[in-house]
Amino acid sequence: MKPLLFRIPKTEVESFRVQVDDLPHFYDTLHFHPEWQITLMLEGTGTHFVGDKVARFQPYDIYFLGSNLPHVFRNDKEYYTSRLRAHSVSVYFRGDILGEHFFDIPETQHLKILLSESSRGFRIRNNEANALTQLIESIAEKQGFEKLLTFLKILDEISVSPQKEFLSSITYQNTRKELDNQRINAVFEFLMQHYAREIILDEVAEIANMTPNAFCRFFKLRTRKTFSAFLNDIRIGHACRMLQSGNSSVLEICFASGFNNVSNFNRQFKQRMKMAPGLYLRQYDSAR
């Protein structure tokens, strides 16, 4: 599949766009657009790929994505075969939304910093609704000047949030080369479909139309991770989801996530989650 340069629809009566998505699953192709994007997840779980970062998303996560930052939110497999819904509220806007120099005045310097920081993309994780998620959700119902004030309030609240978690690495370079994006998108799509089985380097390199050695160099340069580490990130993310569901044993989850032995699964899980799978399950159960 080819990564798309999105054209965000805009009319003469709005300076920024608010979009509510309530679908079987989110759009699942890597893409970018010149607008900044704020997205609140209301329903749906899955895996995000932002710049060079792959991780899980969940309800009440808030994303702030910079201009032309490649990204995709791919729902879990069951969203494609069930009646589950993916529901989000997004705000798309340009840097000159209130004039060329609006973010240069003293009162908006903190917002100018916010826009600059978003070139890497960041996320605010929330386990439940709060004042900020309610504010973002409410903008879909606002009109005119009240809508604009709500937008500015959202920016202000996000800028002072202590929970901002940067996504792409500080060394991430957005090359925006069509062929590079096309290759990464094809690999990402393949891994999301087949992470639960054994995957060998040669077949993934073939998908990218590269030799294994060239693919390894390309992939590390593009994602700042080795291919095996990236694949294990995806597998551990899905293992966490299965642990949270509480319907399978650690041993079952190990093999269902694509690991062929428990010791490696435990090691990879602890490396990423800073705890063993059993402790993760107990902590999650106690928090419910």
C-alpha atoms as a PDB file:
ATOM      1  CA  MET A   1       0.000   0.000   0.000  1.00  0.00           C
ATOM      2  CA  LYS A   2       1.106   3.545  -0.727  1.00  0.00           C
ATOM      3  CA  PRO A   3       1.373   6.135   2.095  1.00  0.00           C
ATOM      4  CA  LEU A   4      -0.957   9.025   1.471  1.00  0.00           C
ATOM      5  CA  LEU A   5      -0.595  12.753   1.727  1.00  0.00           C
ATOM      6  CA  PHE A   6      -3.964  13.490   3.307  1.00  0.00           C
ATOM      7  CA  ARG A   7      -5.998  16.506   2.258  1.00  0.00           C
ATOM      8  CA  ILE A   8      -7.965  17.593   5.291  1.00  0.00           C
ATOM      9  CA  PRO A   9     -11.329  18.993   4.136  1.00  0.00           C
ATOM     10  CA  LYS A  10     -11.972  22.612   5.113  1.00  0.00           C
ATOM     11  CA  THR A  11     -14.761  25.036   4.337  1.00  0.00           C
ATOM     12  CA  GLU A  12     -14.896  28.816   4.201  1.00  0.00           C
ATOM     13  CA  VAL A  13     -16.737  28.923   7.531  1.00  0.00           C
ATOM     14  CA  GLU A  14     -14.103  27.142   9.632  1.00  0.00           C
ATOM     15  CA  SER A  15     -10.419  27.860  10.303  1.00  0.00           C
ATOM     16  CA  PHE A  16      -9.763  24.398  11.695  1.00  0.00           C
ATOM     17  CA  ARG A  17     -11.501  21.051  11.398  1.00  0.00           C
ATOM     18  CA  VAL A  18     -13.059  18.894  14.097  1.00  0.00           C
ATOM     19  CA  GLN A  19     -13.676  15.320  12.997  1.00  0.00           C
ATOM     20  CA  VAL A  20     -15.576  12.630  14.921  1.00  0.00           C
ATOM     21  CA  ASP A  21     -14.869   9.073  13.787  1.00  0.00           C
ATOM     22  CA  ASP A  22     -17.187   6.257  14.866  1.00  0.00           C
ATOM     23  CA  LEU A  23     -16.267   3.322  12.668  1.00  0.00           C
ATOM     24  CA  PRO A  24     -15.633  -0.430  12.733  1.00  0.00           C
ATOM     25  CA  HIS A  25     -11.904   0.409  12.705  1.00  0.00           C
ATOM     26  CA  PHE A  26      -9.663   3.426  12.191  1.00  0.00           C
ATOM     27  CA  TYR A  27      -7.994   4.199   8.863  1.00  0.00           C
ATOM     28  CA  ASP A  28      -5.100   1.743   8.763  1.00  0.00           C
ATOM     29  CA  THR A  29      -2.597   3.068   6.223  1.00  0.00           C
ATOM     30  CA  LEU A  30       0.492   5.071   7.101  1.00  0.00           C
ATOM     31  CA  HIS A  31      -0.108   8.701   6.120  1.00  0.00           C
ATOM     32  CA  PHE A  32       0.805  12.312   6.856  1.00  0.00           C
ATOM     33  CA  HIS A  33      -0.624  15.783   6.326  1.00  0.00           C
ATOM     34  CA  PRO A  34       0.580  19.370   6.793  1.00  0.00           C
ATOM     35  CA  GLU A  35      -1.945  20.052   9.556  1.00  0.00           C
ATOM     36  CA  TRP A  36      -1.156  19.489  13.223  1.00  0.00           C
ATOM     37  CA  GLN A  37      -3.440  16.878  14.764  1.00  0.00           C
ATOM     38  CA  ILE A  38      -4.924  16.396  18.222  1.00  0.00           C
ATOM     39  CA  THR A  39      -6.755  13.088  18.668  1.00  0.00           C
ATOM     40  CA  LEU A  40      -8.668  11.768  21.661  1.00  0.00           C
ATOM     41  CA  MET A  41      -9.337   8.028  21.625  1.00  0.00           C
ATOM     42  CA  LEU A  42     -12.783   7.282  23.036  1.00  0.00           C
ATOM     43  CA  GLU A  43     -13.242   3.651  22.015  1.00  0.00           C
ATOM     44  CA  GLY A  44     -10.891   1.122  20.507  1.00  0.00           C
ATOM     45  CA  THR A  45      -7.540  -0.504  21.128  1.00  0.00           C
ATOM     46  CA  GLY A  46      -4.693  -1.297  18.804  1.00  0.00           C
ATOM     47  CA  THR A  47      -1.162  -0.390  17.779  1.00  0.00           C
ATOM     48  CA  HIS A  48       0.098   3.014  16.730  1.00  0.00           C
ATOM     49  CA  PHE A  49       3.085   3.779  14.551  1.00  0.00           C
ATOM     50  CA  VAL A  50       4.198   7.405  14.875  1.00  0.00           C
ATOM     51  CA  GLY A  51       7.462   8.451  13.271  1.00  0.00           C
ATOM     52  CA  ASP A  52       9.758   5.691  14.528  1.00  0.00           C
ATOM     53  CA  LYS A  53       7.661   4.653  17.554  1.00  0.00           C
ATOM     54  CA  VAL A  54       5.415   1.591  17.792  1.00  0.00           C
ATOM     55  CA  ALA A  55       3.226   1.064  20.870  1.00  0.00           C
ATOM     56  CA  ARG A  56      -0.308   0.287  22.006  1.00  0.00           C
ATOM     57  CA  PHE A  57      -3.173   2.779  22.189  1.00  0.00           C
ATOM     58  CA  GLN A  58      -6.275   2.611  24.373  1.00  0.00           C
ATOM     59  CA  PRO A  59      -9.363   4.671  25.247  1.00  0.00           C
ATOM     60  CA  TYR A  60      -8.693   8.152  26.669  1.00  0.00           C
ATOM     61  CA  ASP A  61      -5.220   8.388  25.142  1.00  0.00           C
ATOM     62  CA  ILE A  62      -4.611  11.877  23.733  1.00  0.00           C
ATOM     63  CA  TYR A  63      -2.226  12.304  20.782  1.00  0.00           C
ATOM     64  CA  PHE A  64      -0.608  15.508  19.552  1.00  0.00           C
ATOM     65  CA  LEU A  65       1.049  15.011  16.161  1.00  0.00           C
ATOM     66  CA  GLY A  66       3.160  17.568  14.358  1.00  0.00           C
ATOM     67  CA  SER A  67       2.901  18.707  10.761  1.00  0.00           C
ATOM     68  CA  ASN A  68       3.774  16.000   8.199  1.00  0.00           C
ATOM     69  CA  LEU A  69       4.597  13.407  10.874  1.00  0.00           C
ATOM     70  CA  PRO A  70       3.833   9.928   9.428  1.00  0.00           C
ATOM     71  CA  HIS A  71       1.402   7.969  11.593  1.00  0.00           C
ATOM     72  CA  VAL A  72      -1.214   5.254  11.636  1.00  0.00           C
ATOM     73  CA  PHE A  73      -3.581   3.873  14.286  1.00  0.00           C
ATOM     74  CA  ARG A  74      -4.335   0.250  13.508  1.00  0.00           C
ATOM     75  CA  ASN A  75      -7.028  -1.488  15.521  1.00  0.00           C
ATOM     76  CA  ASP A  76      -6.664  -5.043  16.791  1.00  0.00           C
ATOM     77  CA  LYS A  77      -7.702  -7.909  14.527  1.00  0.00           C
ATOM     78  CA  GLU A  78     -11.097  -8.431  16.153  1.00  0.00           C
ATOM     79  CA  TYR A  79     -12.248  -4.963  15.027  1.00  0.00           C
ATOM     80  CA  TYR A  80     -12.216  -6.212  11.439  1.00  0.00           C
ATOM     81  CA  THR A  81     -14.490  -9.177  12.119  1.00  0.00           C
ATOM     82  CA  SER A  82     -16.835  -8.054  14.910  1.00  0.00           C
ATOM     83  CA  ARG A  83     -19.223  -5.286  15.896  1.00  0.00           C
ATOM     84  CA  LEU A  84     -16.646  -3.447  17.977  1.00  0.00           C
ATOM     85  CA  ARG A  85     -16.333   0.267  17.286  1.00  0.00           C
ATOM     86  CA  ALA A  86     -13.408   2.656  16.955  1.00  0.00           C
ATOM     87  CA  HIS A  87     -14.431   6.103  18.193  1.00  0.00           C
ATOM     88  CA  SER A  88     -12.288   9.244  18.352  1.00  0.00           C
ATOM     89  CA  VAL A  89     -12.425  13.041  18.223  1.00  0.00           C
ATOM     90  CA  SER A  90      -9.709  14.820  16.234  1.00  0.00           C
ATOM     91  CA  VAL A  91      -8.802  18.458  15.663  1.00  0.00           C
ATOM     92  CA  TYR A  92      -6.776  19.395  12.568  1.00  0.00           C
ATOM     93  CA  PHE A  93      -5.230  22.865  12.242  1.00  0.00           C
ATOM     94  CA  ARG A  94      -2.471  24.803  10.520  1.00  0.00           C
ATOM     95  CA  GLY A  95       0.216  26.889  12.189  1.00  0.00           C
ATOM     96  CA  ASP A  96      -1.196  30.123  10.766  1.00  0.00           C
ATOM     97  CA  ILE A  97      -4.705  29.420  12.038  1.00  0.00           C
ATOM     98  CA  LEU A  98      -4.925  32.838  13.752  1.00  0.00           C
ATOM     99  CA  GLY A  99      -2.558  34.734  11.520  1.00  0.00           C
ATOM    100  CA  GLU A 100       1.072  34.420  10.624  1.00  0.00           C
ATOM    101  CA  HIS A 101       2.429  35.881  13.878  1.00  0.00           C
ATOM    102  CA  PHE A 102      -0.152  34.743  16.450  1.00  0.00           C
ATOM    103  CA  PHE A 103       2.250  32.278  18.074  1.00  0.00           C
ATOM    104  CA  ASP A 104       5.010  34.922  18.238  1.00  0.00           C
ATOM    105  CA  ILE A 105       3.343  37.188  20.801  1.00  0.00           C
ATOM    106  CA  PRO A 106       4.422  36.879  24.481  1.00  0.00           C
ATOM    107  CA  GLU A 107       1.117  35.399  25.618  1.00  0.00           C
ATOM    108  CA  THR A 108       1.383  32.438  23.236  1.00  0.00           C
ATOM    109  CA  GLN A 109       5.067  31.561  23.518  1.00  0.00           C
ATOM    110  CA  HIS A 110       4.207  28.396  25.452  1.00  0.00           C
ATOM    111  CA  LEU A 111       1.967  27.333  22.554  1.00  0.00           C
ATOM    112  CA  LYS A 112       4.755  27.984  20.055  1.00  0.00           C
ATOM    113  CA  ILE A 113       6.962  25.648  22.080  1.00  0.00           C
ATOM    114  CA  LEU A 114       4.148  23.097  22.100  1.00  0.00           C
ATOM    115  CA  LEU A 115       3.910  23.115  18.295  1.00  0.00           C
ATOM    116  CA  SER A 116       7.669  22.725  18.014  1.00  0.00           C
ATOM    117  CA  GLU A 117       7.725  19.796  20.460  1.00  0.00           C
ATOM    118  CA  SER A 118       5.004  18.037  18.505  1.00  0.00           C
ATOM    119  CA  SER A 119       7.363  17.417  15.591  1.00  0.00           C
ATOM    120  CA  ARG A 120       8.223  14.180  17.435  1.00  0.00           C
ATOM    121  CA  GLY A 121       4.619  13.540  18.400  1.00  0.00           C
ATOM    122  CA  PHE A 122       3.576  12.959  21.984  1.00  0.00           C
ATOM    123  CA  ARG A 123       0.862  11.220  23.910  1.00  0.00           C
ATOM    124  CA  ILE A 124      -0.949  11.827  27.195  1.00  0.00           C
ATOM    125  CA  ARG A 125      -2.158   8.549  28.697  1.00  0.00           C
ATOM    126  CA  ASN A 126      -5.361   8.512  30.717  1.00  0.00           C
ATOM    127  CA  ASN A 127      -7.097   5.510  32.238  1.00  0.00           C
ATOM    128  CA  GLU A 128     -10.421   7.299  32.464  1.00  0.00           C
ATOM    129  CA  ALA A 129     -12.202  10.474  31.461  1.00  0.00           C
ATOM    130  CA  ASN A 130     -10.943  13.697  33.029  1.00  0.00           C
ATOM    131  CA  ALA A 131     -11.257  17.445  32.531  1.00  0.00           C
ATOM    132  CA  LEU A 132      -8.966  17.490  29.479  1.00  0.00           C
ATOM    133  CA  THR A 133     -10.611  14.538  27.691  1.00  0.00           C
ATOM    134  CA  GLN A 134     -14.031  16.067  28.349  1.00  0.00           C
ATOM    135  CA  LEU A 135     -12.841  19.399  26.958  1.00  0.00           C
ATOM    136  CA  ILE A 136     -11.621  17.771  23.733  1.00  0.00           C
ATOM    137  CA  GLU A 137     -14.787  15.714  23.407  1.00  0.00           C
ATOM    138  CA  SER A 138     -16.943  18.811  23.890  1.00  0.00           C
ATOM    139  CA  ILE A 139     -15.415  20.760  20.990  1.00  0.00           C
ATOM    140  CA  ALA A 140     -17.415  18.671  18.513  1.00  0.00           C
ATOM    141  CA  GLU A 141     -20.593  20.298  19.863  1.00  0.00           C
ATOM    142  CA  LYS A 142     -19.342  23.878  19.860  1.00  0.00           C
ATOM    143  CA  GLN A 143     -19.902  26.535  17.203  1.00  0.00           C
ATOM    144  CA  GLY A 144     -18.313  29.811  16.187  1.00  0.00           C
ATOM    145  CA  PHE A 145     -16.341  31.827  18.734  1.00  0.00           C
ATOM    146  CA  GLU A 146     -17.034  29.334  21.531  1.00  0.00           C
ATOM    147  CA  LYS A 147     -15.463  26.613  19.405  1.00  0.00           C
ATOM    148  CA  LEU A 148     -12.354  28.734  18.870  1.00  0.00           C
ATOM    149  CA  LEU A 149     -12.050  29.482  22.599  1.00  0.00           C
ATOM    150  CA  THR A 150     -12.365  25.776  23.380  1.00  0.00           C
ATOM    151  CA  PHE A 151      -9.605  25.007  20.871  1.00  0.00           C
ATOM    152  CA  LEU A 152      -7.253  27.536  22.490  1.00  0.00           C
ATOM    153  CA  LYS A 153      -8.103  26.165  25.937  1.00  0.00           C
ATOM    154  CA  ILE A 154      -7.234  22.649  24.729  1.00  0.00           C
ATOM    155  CA  LEU A 155      -3.841  23.845  23.486  1.00  0.00           C
ATOM    156  CA  ASP A 156      -3.212  25.640  26.767  1.00  0.00           C
ATOM    157  CA  GLU A 157      -4.151  22.607  28.888  1.00  0.00           C
ATOM    158  CA  ILE A 158      -2.021  20.249  26.818  1.00  0.00           C
ATOM    159  CA  SER A 159       0.983  22.591  26.988  1.00  0.00           C
ATOM    160  CA  VAL A 160       1.086  22.456  30.801  1.00  0.00           C
ATOM    161  CA  SER A 161       0.322  18.744  31.155  1.00  0.00           C
ATOM    162  CA  PRO A 162       3.093  16.949  33.095  1.00  0.00           C
ATOM    163  CA  GLN A 163       2.099  13.649  31.447  1.00  0.00           C
ATOM    164  CA  LYS A 164       3.339  14.343  27.923  1.00  0.00           C
ATOM    165  CA  GLU A 165       5.197  11.296  26.616  1.00  0.00           C
ATOM    166  CA  PHE A 166       7.279  11.877  23.487  1.00  0.00           C
ATOM    167  CA  LEU A 167       6.816   9.253  20.798  1.00  0.00           C
ATOM    168  CA  SER A 168       9.456   9.471  18.065  1.00  0.00           C
ATOM    169  CA  SER A 169      13.092   9.540  19.158  1.00  0.00           C
ATOM    170  CA  ILE A 170      14.883  12.872  19.301  1.00  0.00           C
ATOM    171  CA  THR A 171      17.080  11.732  16.400  1.00  0.00           C
ATOM    172  CA  TYR A 172      14.109  10.859  14.192  1.00  0.00           C
ATOM    173  CA  GLN A 173      14.340  12.374  10.735  1.00  0.00           C
ATOM    174  CA  ASN A 174      11.208  12.503   8.612  1.00  0.00           C
ATOM    175  CA  THR A 175      12.602  11.917   5.141  1.00  0.00           C
ATOM    176  CA  ARG A 176       9.132  11.794   3.535  1.00  0.00           C
ATOM    177  CA  LYS A 177      10.608   9.701   0.732  1.00  0.00           C
ATOM    178  CA  GLU A 178       7.704   7.934  -0.891  1.00  0.00           C
ATOM    179  CA  LEU A 179       9.580   4.669  -1.441  1.00  0.00           C
ATOM    180  CA  ASP A 180      10.811   4.565   2.182  1.00  0.00           C
ATOM    181  CA  ASN A 181       7.317   5.152   3.522  1.00  0.00           C
ATOM    182  CA  GLN A 182       5.895   2.582   1.132  1.00  0.00           C
ATOM    183  CA  ARG A 183       8.362  -0.037   2.347  1.00  0.00           C
ATOM    184  CA  ILE A 184       7.778   0.718   6.032  1.00  0.00           C
ATOM    185  CA  ASN A 185       4.021   0.629   5.539  1.00  0.00           C
ATOM    186  CA  ALA A 186       4.173  -2.747   3.769  1.00  0.00           C
ATOM    187  CA  VAL A 187       6.352  -4.206   6.524  1.00  0.00           C
ATOM    188  CA  PHE A 188       4.142  -2.793   9.264  1.00  0.00           C
ATOM    189  CA  GLU A 189       1.040  -4.199   7.594  1.00  0.00           C
ATOM    190  CA  PHE A 190       2.671  -7.624   7.276  1.00  0.00           C
ATOM    191  CA  LEU A 191       3.830  -7.705  10.901  1.00  0.00           C
ATOM    192  CA  MET A 192       0.410  -6.698  12.222  1.00  0.00           C
ATOM    193  CA  GLN A 193      -1.120  -9.577  10.290  1.00  0.00           C
ATOM    194  CA  HIS A 194       1.461 -12.252  11.113  1.00  0.00           C
ATOM    195  CA  TYR A 195       3.198 -11.343  14.411  1.00  0.00           C
ATOM    196  CA  ALA A 196       1.762 -14.471  16.095  1.00  0.00           C
ATOM    197  CA  ARG A 197       3.720 -16.887  13.890  1.00  0.00           C
ATOM    198  CA  GLU A 198       7.408 -17.369  13.230  1.00  0.00           C
ATOM    199  CA  ILE A 199       8.695 -14.644  10.915  1.00  0.00           C
ATOM    200  CA  ILE A 200      12.074 -14.913   9.237  1.00  0.00           C
ATOM    201  CA  LEU A 201      14.121 -11.964   8.060  1.00  0.00           C
ATOM    202  CA  ASP A 202      14.283 -13.106   4.435  1.00  0.00           C
ATOM    203  CA  GLU A 203      10.506 -12.960   3.881  1.00  0.00           C
ATOM    204  CA  VAL A 204      10.234  -9.462   5.377  1.00  0.00           C
ATOM    205  CA  ALA A 205      13.194  -8.238   3.321  1.00  0.00           C
ATOM    206  CA  GLU A 206      11.467  -9.607   0.241  1.00  0.00           C
ATOM    207  CA  ILE A 207       8.335  -7.576   1.061  1.00  0.00           C
ATOM    208  CA  ALA A 208      10.531  -4.459   1.131  1.00  0.00           C
ATOM    209  CA  ASN A 209      12.177  -5.600  -2.123  1.00  0.00           C
ATOM    210  CA  MET A 210      15.636  -5.503  -0.509  1.00  0.00           C
ATOM    211  CA  THR A 211      18.365  -7.929   0.426  1.00  0.00           C
ATOM    212  CA  PRO A 212      18.338  -8.953   4.124  1.00  0.00           C
ATOM    213  CA  ASN A 213      21.487  -6.946   4.910  1.00  0.00           C
ATOM    214  CA  ALA A 214      20.232  -3.853   3.107  1.00  0.00           C
ATOM    215  CA  PHE A 215      16.847  -4.198   4.781  1.00  0.00           C
ATOM    216  CA  CYS A 216      18.401  -4.398   8.259  1.00  0.00           C
ATOM    217  CA  ARG A 217      20.382  -1.202   7.644  1.00  0.00           C
ATOM    218  CA  PHE A 218      17.361   0.566   6.157  1.00  0.00           C
ATOM    219  CA  PHE A 219      15.027  -0.524   8.942  1.00  0.00           C
ATOM    220  CA  LYS A 220      17.407   0.520  11.732  1.00  0.00           C
ATOM    221  CA  LEU A 221      17.960   3.910  10.094  1.00  0.00           C
ATOM    222  CA  ARG A 222      14.223   4.479   9.575  1.00  0.00           C
ATOM    223  CA  THR A 223      12.891   3.235  12.938  1.00  0.00           C
ATOM    224  CA  ARG A 224      15.943   3.511  15.237  1.00  0.00           C
ATOM    225  CA  LYS A 225      15.387  -0.125  16.153  1.00  0.00           C
ATOM    226  CA  THR A 226      16.521  -3.478  14.885  1.00  0.00           C
ATOM    227  CA  PHE A 227      13.873  -5.465  13.071  1.00  0.00           C
ATOM    228  CA  SER A 228      13.732  -8.087  15.833  1.00  0.00           C
ATOM    229  CA  ALA A 229      13.298  -5.432  18.543  1.00  0.00           C
ATOM    230  CA  PHE A 230      10.510  -3.772  16.558  1.00  0.00           C
ATOM    231  CA  LEU A 231       8.737  -7.112  16.081  1.00  0.00           C
ATOM    232  CA  ASN A 232       9.062  -7.909  19.783  1.00  0.00           C
ATOM    233  CA  ASP A 233       7.570  -4.494  20.634  1.00  0.00           C
ATOM    234  CA  ILE A 234       4.475  -5.479  18.656  1.00  0.00           C
ATOM    235  CA  ARG A 235       4.346  -8.922  20.242  1.00  0.00           C
ATOM    236  CA  ILE A 236       4.696  -7.638  23.802  1.00  0.00           C
ATOM    237  CA  GLY A 237       2.021  -5.030  23.148  1.00  0.00           C
ATOM    238  CA  HIS A 238      -0.412  -7.739  22.153  1.00  0.00           C
ATOM    239  CA  ALA A 239       0.671  -9.894  25.089  1.00  0.00           C
ATOM    240  CA  CYS A 240      -0.288  -7.020  27.404  1.00  0.00           C
ATOM    241  CA  ARG A 241      -3.716  -6.854  25.786  1.00  0.00           C
ATOM    242  CA  MET A 242      -4.221 -10.584  26.291  1.00  0.00           C
ATOM    243  CA  LEU A 243      -3.098 -10.349  29.919  1.00  0.00           C
ATOM    244  CA  GLN A 244      -5.596  -7.559  30.488  1.00  0.00           C
ATOM    245  CA  SER A 245      -8.413  -9.661  29.081  1.00  0.00           C
ATOM    246  CA  GLY A 246      -7.747 -12.285  31.741  1.00  0.00           C
ATOM    247  CA  ASN A 247      -8.885 -15.153  29.500  1.00  0.00           C
ATOM    248  CA  SER A 248      -5.540 -16.925  28.946  1.00  0.00           C
ATOM    249  CA  SER A 249      -2.595 -18.218  30.949  1.00  0.00           C
ATOM    250  CA  VAL A 250       0.884 -16.713  30.651  1.00  0.00           C
ATOM    251  CA  LEU A 251       1.994 -19.840  28.777  1.00  0.00           C
ATOM    252  CA  GLU A 252      -0.858 -19.537  26.275  1.00  0.00           C
ATOM    253  CA  ILE A 253      -0.162 -15.843  25.806  1.00  0.00           C
ATOM    254  CA  CYS A 254       3.521 -16.532  25.220  1.00  0.00           C
ATOM    255  CA  PHE A 255       2.852 -18.740  22.190  1.00  0.00           C
ATOM    256  CA  ALA A 256      -0.130 -16.735  20.942  1.00  0.00           C
ATOM    257  CA  SER A 257       2.089 -13.641  20.800  1.00  0.00           C
ATOM    258  CA  GLY A 258       4.661 -15.319  18.579  1.00  0.00           C
ATOM    259  CA  PHE A 259       7.308 -16.392  21.099  1.00  0.00           C
ATOM    260  CA  ASN A 260       8.567 -19.946  20.904  1.00  0.00           C
ATOM    261  CA  ASN A 261       9.746 -20.296  24.507  1.00  0.00           C
ATOM    262  CA  VAL A 262       8.670 -18.901  27.857  1.00  0.00           C
ATOM    263  CA  SER A 263      12.089 -17.765  29.041  1.00  0.00           C
ATOM    264  CA  ASN A 264      12.535 -15.489  26.018  1.00  0.00           C
ATOM    265  CA  PHE A 265       8.979 -14.188  26.410  1.00  0.00           C
ATOM    266  CA  ASN A 266       9.594 -13.357  30.083  1.00  0.00           C
ATOM    267  CA  ARG A 267      12.893 -11.674  29.261  1.00  0.00           C
ATOM    268  CA  GLN A 268      11.449  -9.561  26.446  1.00  0.00           C
ATOM    269  CA  PHE A 269       8.379  -8.665  28.526  1.00  0.00           C
ATOM    270  CA  LYS A 270      10.412  -7.600  31.551  1.00  0.00           C
ATOM    271  CA  GLN A 271      12.778  -5.576  29.367  1.00  0.00           C
ATOM    272  CA  ARG A 272       9.900  -3.487  28.027  1.00  0.00           C
ATOM    273  CA  MET A 273       7.399  -3.451  30.893  1.00  0.00           C
ATOM    274  CA  LYS A 274       9.940  -3.466  33.756  1.00  0.00           C
ATOM    275  CA  MET A 275       8.142  -6.382  35.413  1.00  0.00           C
ATOM    276  CA  ALA A 276       7.352 -10.033  34.800  1.00  0.00           C
ATOM    277  CA  PRO A 277       4.075 -10.979  33.047  1.00  0.00           C
ATOM    278  CA  GLY A 278       2.605 -12.455  36.239  1.00  0.00           C
ATOM    279  CA  LEU A 279       3.252  -9.255  38.219  1.00  0.00           C
ATOM    280  CA  TYR A 280       1.838  -7.171  35.370  1.00  0.00           C
ATOM    281  CA  LEU A 281      -1.350  -9.247  35.487  1.00  0.00           C
ATOM    282  CA  ARG A 282      -1.654  -8.898  39.279  1.00  0.00           C
ATOM    283  CA  GLN A 283      -1.100  -5.137  39.160  1.00  0.00           C
ATOM    284  CA  TYR A 284      -3.648  -4.749  36.383  1.00  0.00           C
ATOM    285  CA  ASP A 285      -6.210  -6.835  38.287  1.00  0.00           C
ATOM    286  CA  SER A 286      -5.705  -4.803  41.474  1.00  0.00           C
ATOM    287  CA  ALA A 287      -6.167  -1.537  39.556  1.00  0.00           C
ATOM    288  CA  ARG A 288      -9.514  -2.599  38.062  1.00  0.00           C
END
